[in-house]
Amino acid sequence: MSGLLRRAIWWAQDYAYAAAWQIRAFGDRDRAEAYSRGTGVPIVVLPGIYESWRFMRPLIERAHRDGHPVHVIEPLERNLSPIAEMADRVSTYLAEHDLHDVVLLAHSKGGLAGKLVMLGREASRVRGMLAVATPFGGSRYARMMLTRSLRALSPRHPSITALAAQRDADARIVSIYSRFDPHIPEGSELPGAKNVPLDTGGHFRVLAHPRVIAELAALSS
């Protein structure tokens, strides 16, 4: 199979996965509180842009079955705010609920906000972060997008360049990503972090990849 055909198949599979989970999320009436009980390490979910927390159900359900309380921050729904505002909301939540030794579970843009949390006023409450398909260096495609929230993910945007220059939290981050991401041609490698490239393609369907589940279990053990 040619590389071009393989990428086309990965792309189609990725959007099929995303469409299926967006439809499920739209019709799902389960409440986030159902996952907030447990005796394990607390996990706080940071979804990607335009995503409901329900989009990350495969990981949330697995973590909860393993005994972890999983916290969903409702104001992050759809994740359209600037990353600084998102990080502030997460930090406020950690303080208000007096959470400690937290593992952040982030997808895409959520990982940018998560890193900012790990550099901010409540950084001591965070053990580490599993970031799935996060554009730590931005995405060149963002410059062509119509909405401000997407253009803010450009490699030249001040929020991206400023975050990349801060390295203090990188050693506590696990960045996991596919070798071909149709949304992030630059990839998600983060210098200083534990980088886990997957021999597959996609931006969304990697959320259900067994290695992602294994890395979350290792980080929260």
C-alpha atoms as a PDB file:
ATOM      1  CA  MET A   1       0.000   0.000   0.000  1.00  0.00           C
ATOM      2  CA  SER A   2       1.378   3.400  -0.951  1.00  0.00           C
ATOM      3  CA  GLY A   3       1.985   6.027   1.702  1.00  0.00           C
ATOM      4  CA  LEU A   4      -0.564   8.354   0.107  1.00  0.00           C
ATOM      5  CA  LEU A   5      -3.287   5.700   0.109  1.00  0.00           C
ATOM      6  CA  ARG A   6      -2.491   4.742   3.700  1.00  0.00           C
ATOM      7  CA  ARG A   7      -2.848   8.368   4.792  1.00  0.00           C
ATOM      8  CA  ALA A   8      -6.129   8.695   2.928  1.00  0.00           C
ATOM      9  CA  ILE A   9      -7.485   5.629   4.738  1.00  0.00           C
ATOM     10  CA  TRP A  10      -6.301   6.958   8.108  1.00  0.00           C
ATOM     11  CA  TRP A  11      -7.935  10.304   7.361  1.00  0.00           C
ATOM     12  CA  ALA A  12     -11.260   8.659   6.487  1.00  0.00           C
ATOM     13  CA  GLN A  13     -11.147   6.443   9.578  1.00  0.00           C
ATOM     14  CA  ASP A  14     -10.323   9.439  11.753  1.00  0.00           C
ATOM     15  CA  TYR A  15     -13.308  11.487  10.603  1.00  0.00           C
ATOM     16  CA  ALA A  16     -15.606   8.490  10.822  1.00  0.00           C
ATOM     17  CA  TYR A  17     -14.519   8.039  14.442  1.00  0.00           C
ATOM     18  CA  ALA A  18     -14.980  11.747  15.194  1.00  0.00           C
ATOM     19  CA  ALA A  19     -18.425  11.851  13.586  1.00  0.00           C
ATOM     20  CA  ALA A  20     -19.591   8.768  15.471  1.00  0.00           C
ATOM     21  CA  TRP A  21     -18.498  10.109  18.843  1.00  0.00           C
ATOM     22  CA  GLN A  22     -19.883  13.593  18.208  1.00  0.00           C
ATOM     23  CA  ILE A  23     -23.264  12.013  17.442  1.00  0.00           C
ATOM     24  CA  ARG A  24     -23.052   9.873  20.580  1.00  0.00           C
ATOM     25  CA  ALA A  25     -22.084  12.922  22.628  1.00  0.00           C
ATOM     26  CA  PHE A  26     -25.044  14.893  21.299  1.00  0.00           C
ATOM     27  CA  GLY A  27     -27.511  12.217  22.334  1.00  0.00           C
ATOM     28  CA  ASP A  28     -25.810  11.240  25.594  1.00  0.00           C
ATOM     29  CA  ARG A  29     -27.583  12.412  28.742  1.00  0.00           C
ATOM     30  CA  ASP A  30     -25.215  10.869  31.286  1.00  0.00           C
ATOM     31  CA  ARG A  31     -24.010  13.358  33.867  1.00  0.00           C
ATOM     32  CA  ALA A  32     -20.348  13.971  34.557  1.00  0.00           C
ATOM     33  CA  GLU A  33     -20.908  13.494  38.287  1.00  0.00           C
ATOM     34  CA  ALA A  34     -21.368   9.761  37.655  1.00  0.00           C
ATOM     35  CA  TYR A  35     -17.593   9.475  37.164  1.00  0.00           C
ATOM     36  CA  SER A  36     -16.420  11.726  39.998  1.00  0.00           C
ATOM     37  CA  ARG A  37     -16.209   9.056  42.720  1.00  0.00           C
ATOM     38  CA  GLY A  38     -13.285   6.777  43.347  1.00  0.00           C
ATOM     39  CA  THR A  39     -10.312   6.179  45.610  1.00  0.00           C
ATOM     40  CA  GLY A  40      -7.552   6.375  43.019  1.00  0.00           C
ATOM     41  CA  VAL A  41      -5.538   9.303  41.724  1.00  0.00           C
ATOM     42  CA  PRO A  42      -7.921  12.062  40.587  1.00  0.00           C
ATOM     43  CA  ILE A  43      -8.053  12.686  36.854  1.00  0.00           C
ATOM     44  CA  VAL A  44      -9.172  16.006  35.363  1.00  0.00           C
ATOM     45  CA  VAL A  45     -10.354  16.042  31.750  1.00  0.00           C
ATOM     46  CA  LEU A  46      -9.452  18.784  29.267  1.00  0.00           C
ATOM     47  CA  PRO A  47     -11.158  18.119  25.914  1.00  0.00           C
ATOM     48  CA  GLY A  48     -10.126  19.531  22.569  1.00  0.00           C
ATOM     49  CA  ILE A  49     -11.687  22.378  20.655  1.00  0.00           C
ATOM     50  CA  TYR A  50     -15.376  21.908  19.715  1.00  0.00           C
ATOM     51  CA  GLU A  51     -15.422  18.766  21.865  1.00  0.00           C
ATOM     52  CA  SER A  52     -17.708  17.772  24.689  1.00  0.00           C
ATOM     53  CA  TRP A  53     -16.198  15.782  27.558  1.00  0.00           C
ATOM     54  CA  ARG A  54     -18.290  12.909  26.249  1.00  0.00           C
ATOM     55  CA  PHE A  55     -16.009  12.760  23.225  1.00  0.00           C
ATOM     56  CA  MET A  56     -13.391  11.280  25.563  1.00  0.00           C
ATOM     57  CA  ARG A  57     -15.670   8.627  27.027  1.00  0.00           C
ATOM     58  CA  PRO A  58     -13.426   5.636  26.127  1.00  0.00           C
ATOM     59  CA  LEU A  59     -10.675   6.980  28.367  1.00  0.00           C
ATOM     60  CA  ILE A  60     -12.993   8.352  31.035  1.00  0.00           C
ATOM     61  CA  GLU A  61     -14.864   5.074  31.438  1.00  0.00           C
ATOM     62  CA  ARG A  62     -11.678   3.027  31.577  1.00  0.00           C
ATOM     63  CA  ALA A  63     -10.122   5.296  34.201  1.00  0.00           C
ATOM     64  CA  HIS A  64     -13.285   5.207  36.285  1.00  0.00           C
ATOM     65  CA  ARG A  65     -13.444   1.403  36.095  1.00  0.00           C
ATOM     66  CA  ASP A  66      -9.890   1.382  37.422  1.00  0.00           C
ATOM     67  CA  GLY A  67     -11.067   3.284  40.509  1.00  0.00           C
ATOM     68  CA  HIS A  68     -10.142   6.848  39.602  1.00  0.00           C
ATOM     69  CA  PRO A  69     -12.430   9.800  40.270  1.00  0.00           C
ATOM     70  CA  VAL A  70     -12.713  11.582  36.921  1.00  0.00           C
ATOM     71  CA  HIS A  71     -13.501  15.290  37.039  1.00  0.00           C
ATOM     72  CA  VAL A  72     -15.121  17.139  34.159  1.00  0.00           C
ATOM     73  CA  ILE A  73     -15.129  20.944  34.199  1.00  0.00           C
ATOM     74  CA  GLU A  74     -18.366  21.999  32.561  1.00  0.00           C
ATOM     75  CA  PRO A  75     -17.237  25.559  31.573  1.00  0.00           C
ATOM     76  CA  LEU A  76     -14.664  23.952  29.245  1.00  0.00           C
ATOM     77  CA  GLU A  77     -17.489  22.571  27.073  1.00  0.00           C
ATOM     78  CA  ARG A  78     -16.519  22.999  23.402  1.00  0.00           C
ATOM     79  CA  ASN A  79     -13.222  24.553  24.488  1.00  0.00           C
ATOM     80  CA  LEU A  80     -13.470  27.796  22.503  1.00  0.00           C
ATOM     81  CA  SER A  81     -11.889  30.167  25.047  1.00  0.00           C
ATOM     82  CA  PRO A  82      -8.237  31.286  24.882  1.00  0.00           C
ATOM     83  CA  ILE A  83      -5.940  28.796  26.560  1.00  0.00           C
ATOM     84  CA  ALA A  84      -5.129  31.243  29.369  1.00  0.00           C
ATOM     85  CA  GLU A  85      -8.835  31.452  30.295  1.00  0.00           C
ATOM     86  CA  MET A  86      -9.168  27.680  30.126  1.00  0.00           C
ATOM     87  CA  ALA A  87      -6.136  27.213  32.354  1.00  0.00           C
ATOM     88  CA  ASP A  88      -7.527  29.697  34.862  1.00  0.00           C
ATOM     89  CA  ARG A  89     -10.820  27.792  35.072  1.00  0.00           C
ATOM     90  CA  VAL A  90      -9.015  24.512  35.628  1.00  0.00           C
ATOM     91  CA  SER A  91      -6.774  26.031  38.302  1.00  0.00           C
ATOM     92  CA  THR A  92      -9.797  27.498  40.057  1.00  0.00           C
ATOM     93  CA  TYR A  93     -11.520  24.103  39.967  1.00  0.00           C
ATOM     94  CA  LEU A  94      -8.487  22.363  41.474  1.00  0.00           C
ATOM     95  CA  ALA A  95      -8.367  24.866  44.314  1.00  0.00           C
ATOM     96  CA  GLU A  96     -12.116  24.914  44.986  1.00  0.00           C
ATOM     97  CA  HIS A  97     -12.260  21.105  45.155  1.00  0.00           C
ATOM     98  CA  ASP A  98      -8.940  20.877  47.005  1.00  0.00           C
ATOM     99  CA  LEU A  99      -7.578  18.280  44.593  1.00  0.00           C
ATOM    100  CA  HIS A 100      -3.998  17.054  44.942  1.00  0.00           C
ATOM    101  CA  ASP A 101      -1.687  14.737  42.988  1.00  0.00           C
ATOM    102  CA  VAL A 102      -3.900  15.226  39.942  1.00  0.00           C
ATOM    103  CA  VAL A 103      -3.324  13.750  36.503  1.00  0.00           C
ATOM    104  CA  LEU A 104      -4.554  15.939  33.655  1.00  0.00           C
ATOM    105  CA  LEU A 105      -6.018  14.016  30.724  1.00  0.00           C
ATOM    106  CA  ALA A 106      -6.019  16.256  27.675  1.00  0.00           C
ATOM    107  CA  HIS A 107      -6.803  16.047  23.986  1.00  0.00           C
ATOM    108  CA  SER A 108      -5.520  18.438  21.343  1.00  0.00           C
ATOM    109  CA  LYS A 109      -5.947  22.090  22.453  1.00  0.00           C
ATOM    110  CA  GLY A 110      -6.720  20.849  25.960  1.00  0.00           C
ATOM    111  CA  GLY A 111      -3.062  19.896  26.339  1.00  0.00           C
ATOM    112  CA  LEU A 112      -1.990  23.502  25.808  1.00  0.00           C
ATOM    113  CA  ALA A 113      -4.245  24.668  28.624  1.00  0.00           C
ATOM    114  CA  GLY A 114      -3.050  21.763  30.741  1.00  0.00           C
ATOM    115  CA  LYS A 115       0.594  22.752  30.363  1.00  0.00           C
ATOM    116  CA  LEU A 116      -0.309  26.296  31.387  1.00  0.00           C
ATOM    117  CA  VAL A 117      -2.028  24.917  34.495  1.00  0.00           C
ATOM    118  CA  MET A 118       1.189  23.060  35.319  1.00  0.00           C
ATOM    119  CA  LEU A 119       3.059  26.366  35.143  1.00  0.00           C
ATOM    120  CA  GLY A 120       0.492  28.389  37.065  1.00  0.00           C
ATOM    121  CA  ARG A 121      -0.662  29.139  40.587  1.00  0.00           C
ATOM    122  CA  GLU A 122      -1.963  25.603  41.284  1.00  0.00           C
ATOM    123  CA  ALA A 123       0.929  23.761  39.651  1.00  0.00           C
ATOM    124  CA  SER A 124       1.800  21.928  42.871  1.00  0.00           C
ATOM    125  CA  ARG A 125      -1.554  20.131  42.741  1.00  0.00           C
ATOM    126  CA  VAL A 126      -0.699  18.409  39.443  1.00  0.00           C
ATOM    127  CA  ARG A 127       1.334  15.198  39.236  1.00  0.00           C
ATOM    128  CA  GLY A 128       1.520  15.167  35.459  1.00  0.00           C
ATOM    129  CA  MET A 129      -0.399  15.233  32.206  1.00  0.00           C
ATOM    130  CA  LEU A 130      -1.189  12.798  29.436  1.00  0.00           C
ATOM    131  CA  ALA A 131      -1.582  14.936  26.316  1.00  0.00           C
ATOM    132  CA  VAL A 132      -3.058  13.200  23.276  1.00  0.00           C
ATOM    133  CA  ALA A 133      -2.452  14.802  19.865  1.00  0.00           C
ATOM    134  CA  THR A 134      -1.632  18.227  21.312  1.00  0.00           C
ATOM    135  CA  PRO A 135      -0.212  20.920  18.976  1.00  0.00           C
ATOM    136  CA  PHE A 136       2.556  22.066  21.327  1.00  0.00           C
ATOM    137  CA  GLY A 137       4.222  23.864  18.423  1.00  0.00           C
ATOM    138  CA  GLY A 138       0.968  24.927  16.801  1.00  0.00           C
ATOM    139  CA  SER A 139      -0.406  23.913  13.420  1.00  0.00           C
ATOM    140  CA  ARG A 140       0.303  25.739  10.176  1.00  0.00           C
ATOM    141  CA  TYR A 141      -3.255  24.998   9.044  1.00  0.00           C
ATOM    142  CA  ALA A 142      -4.593  27.240  11.812  1.00  0.00           C
ATOM    143  CA  ARG A 143      -3.604  30.365   9.881  1.00  0.00           C
ATOM    144  CA  MET A 144      -6.164  29.490   7.208  1.00  0.00           C
ATOM    145  CA  MET A 145      -9.085  28.970   9.591  1.00  0.00           C
ATOM    146  CA  LEU A 146     -12.011  31.389   9.773  1.00  0.00           C
ATOM    147  CA  THR A 147     -12.561  31.443  13.525  1.00  0.00           C
ATOM    148  CA  ARG A 148     -10.333  33.248  16.017  1.00  0.00           C
ATOM    149  CA  SER A 149     -10.236  30.226  18.328  1.00  0.00           C
ATOM    150  CA  LEU A 150      -8.668  28.108  15.584  1.00  0.00           C
ATOM    151  CA  ARG A 151      -6.302  30.807  14.310  1.00  0.00           C
ATOM    152  CA  ALA A 152      -4.937  31.050  17.845  1.00  0.00           C
ATOM    153  CA  LEU A 153      -3.329  27.634  17.257  1.00  0.00           C
ATOM    154  CA  SER A 154      -0.965  29.028  14.620  1.00  0.00           C
ATOM    155  CA  PRO A 155       2.753  28.413  15.324  1.00  0.00           C
ATOM    156  CA  ARG A 156       3.274  32.190  15.317  1.00  0.00           C
ATOM    157  CA  HIS A 157       0.475  33.055  17.725  1.00  0.00           C
ATOM    158  CA  PRO A 158       1.841  34.652  20.930  1.00  0.00           C
ATOM    159  CA  SER A 159       0.093  32.100  23.152  1.00  0.00           C
ATOM    160  CA  ILE A 160       1.830  29.235  21.332  1.00  0.00           C
ATOM    161  CA  THR A 161       5.289  30.805  21.226  1.00  0.00           C
ATOM    162  CA  ALA A 162       5.134  31.896  24.871  1.00  0.00           C
ATOM    163  CA  LEU A 163       4.034  28.457  26.045  1.00  0.00           C
ATOM    164  CA  ALA A 164       6.733  26.715  24.008  1.00  0.00           C
ATOM    165  CA  ALA A 165       9.395  28.883  25.643  1.00  0.00           C
ATOM    166  CA  GLN A 166       8.417  27.686  29.126  1.00  0.00           C
ATOM    167  CA  ARG A 167       9.977  24.293  29.786  1.00  0.00           C
ATOM    168  CA  ASP A 168       9.593  23.789  33.538  1.00  0.00           C
ATOM    169  CA  ALA A 169       6.610  21.437  33.245  1.00  0.00           C
ATOM    170  CA  ASP A 170       7.689  19.445  30.196  1.00  0.00           C
ATOM    171  CA  ALA A 171       9.346  16.611  32.114  1.00  0.00           C
ATOM    172  CA  ARG A 172       5.991  15.800  33.769  1.00  0.00           C
ATOM    173  CA  ILE A 173       4.139  15.519  30.463  1.00  0.00           C
ATOM    174  CA  VAL A 174       3.538  12.413  28.374  1.00  0.00           C
ATOM    175  CA  SER A 175       2.822  13.451  24.792  1.00  0.00           C
ATOM    176  CA  ILE A 176       1.297  10.673  22.711  1.00  0.00           C
ATOM    177  CA  TYR A 177       0.409  11.078  19.064  1.00  0.00           C
ATOM    178  CA  SER A 178       0.048   9.311  15.729  1.00  0.00           C
ATOM    179  CA  ARG A 179       2.796   9.449  13.139  1.00  0.00           C
ATOM    180  CA  PHE A 180       0.357  11.124  10.735  1.00  0.00           C
ATOM    181  CA  ASP A 181      -1.998  13.734  12.154  1.00  0.00           C
ATOM    182  CA  PRO A 182      -4.113  15.450   9.489  1.00  0.00           C
ATOM    183  CA  HIS A 183      -4.622  18.463  11.774  1.00  0.00           C
ATOM    184  CA  ILE A 184      -1.073  18.878  13.047  1.00  0.00           C
ATOM    185  CA  PRO A 185       1.461  18.389  10.232  1.00  0.00           C
ATOM    186  CA  GLU A 186       4.222  19.557  12.590  1.00  0.00           C
ATOM    187  CA  GLY A 187       3.457  16.700  14.956  1.00  0.00           C
ATOM    188  CA  SER A 188       3.110  16.728  18.745  1.00  0.00           C
ATOM    189  CA  GLU A 189       6.638  15.997  19.903  1.00  0.00           C
ATOM    190  CA  LEU A 190       7.504  18.055  22.990  1.00  0.00           C
ATOM    191  CA  PRO A 191      11.211  18.390  23.838  1.00  0.00           C
ATOM    192  CA  GLY A 192      11.867  17.297  27.404  1.00  0.00           C
ATOM    193  CA  ALA A 193       8.639  15.313  27.703  1.00  0.00           C
ATOM    194  CA  LYS A 194       8.081  11.590  27.381  1.00  0.00           C
ATOM    195  CA  ASN A 195       7.128  11.352  23.713  1.00  0.00           C
ATOM    196  CA  VAL A 196       5.184   8.318  22.511  1.00  0.00           C
ATOM    197  CA  PRO A 197       4.653   8.180  18.727  1.00  0.00           C
ATOM    198  CA  LEU A 198       2.083   5.637  17.542  1.00  0.00           C
ATOM    199  CA  ASP A 199       2.464   3.736  14.293  1.00  0.00           C
ATOM    200  CA  THR A 200      -0.925   4.851  13.024  1.00  0.00           C
ATOM    201  CA  GLY A 201      -2.679   7.943  11.736  1.00  0.00           C
ATOM    202  CA  GLY A 202      -5.356  10.289  12.995  1.00  0.00           C
ATOM    203  CA  HIS A 203      -6.125  13.091  15.395  1.00  0.00           C
ATOM    204  CA  PHE A 204      -9.260  11.721  17.056  1.00  0.00           C
ATOM    205  CA  ARG A 205      -9.317   7.939  16.950  1.00  0.00           C
ATOM    206  CA  VAL A 206      -6.029   7.714  18.855  1.00  0.00           C
ATOM    207  CA  LEU A 207      -8.108   8.506  21.948  1.00  0.00           C
ATOM    208  CA  ALA A 208      -9.193   4.866  21.978  1.00  0.00           C
ATOM    209  CA  HIS A 209      -5.749   3.425  21.183  1.00  0.00           C
ATOM    210  CA  PRO A 210      -4.616   0.754  23.708  1.00  0.00           C
ATOM    211  CA  ARG A 211      -1.267   2.509  24.200  1.00  0.00           C
ATOM    212  CA  VAL A 212      -3.043   5.716  25.262  1.00  0.00           C
ATOM    213  CA  ILE A 213      -5.004   3.736  27.847  1.00  0.00           C
ATOM    214  CA  ALA A 214      -1.786   2.078  29.043  1.00  0.00           C
ATOM    215  CA  GLU A 215       0.056   5.391  29.381  1.00  0.00           C
ATOM    216  CA  LEU A 216      -2.824   6.872  31.375  1.00  0.00           C
ATOM    217  CA  ALA A 217      -2.790   3.846  33.695  1.00  0.00           C
ATOM    218  CA  ALA A 218       0.990   4.164  34.178  1.00  0.00           C
ATOM    219  CA  LEU A 219       0.848   7.888  34.900  1.00  0.00           C
ATOM    220  CA  SER A 220      -1.985   7.514  37.401  1.00  0.00           C
ATOM    221  CA  SER A 221      -0.730   4.385  39.192  1.00  0.00           C
END
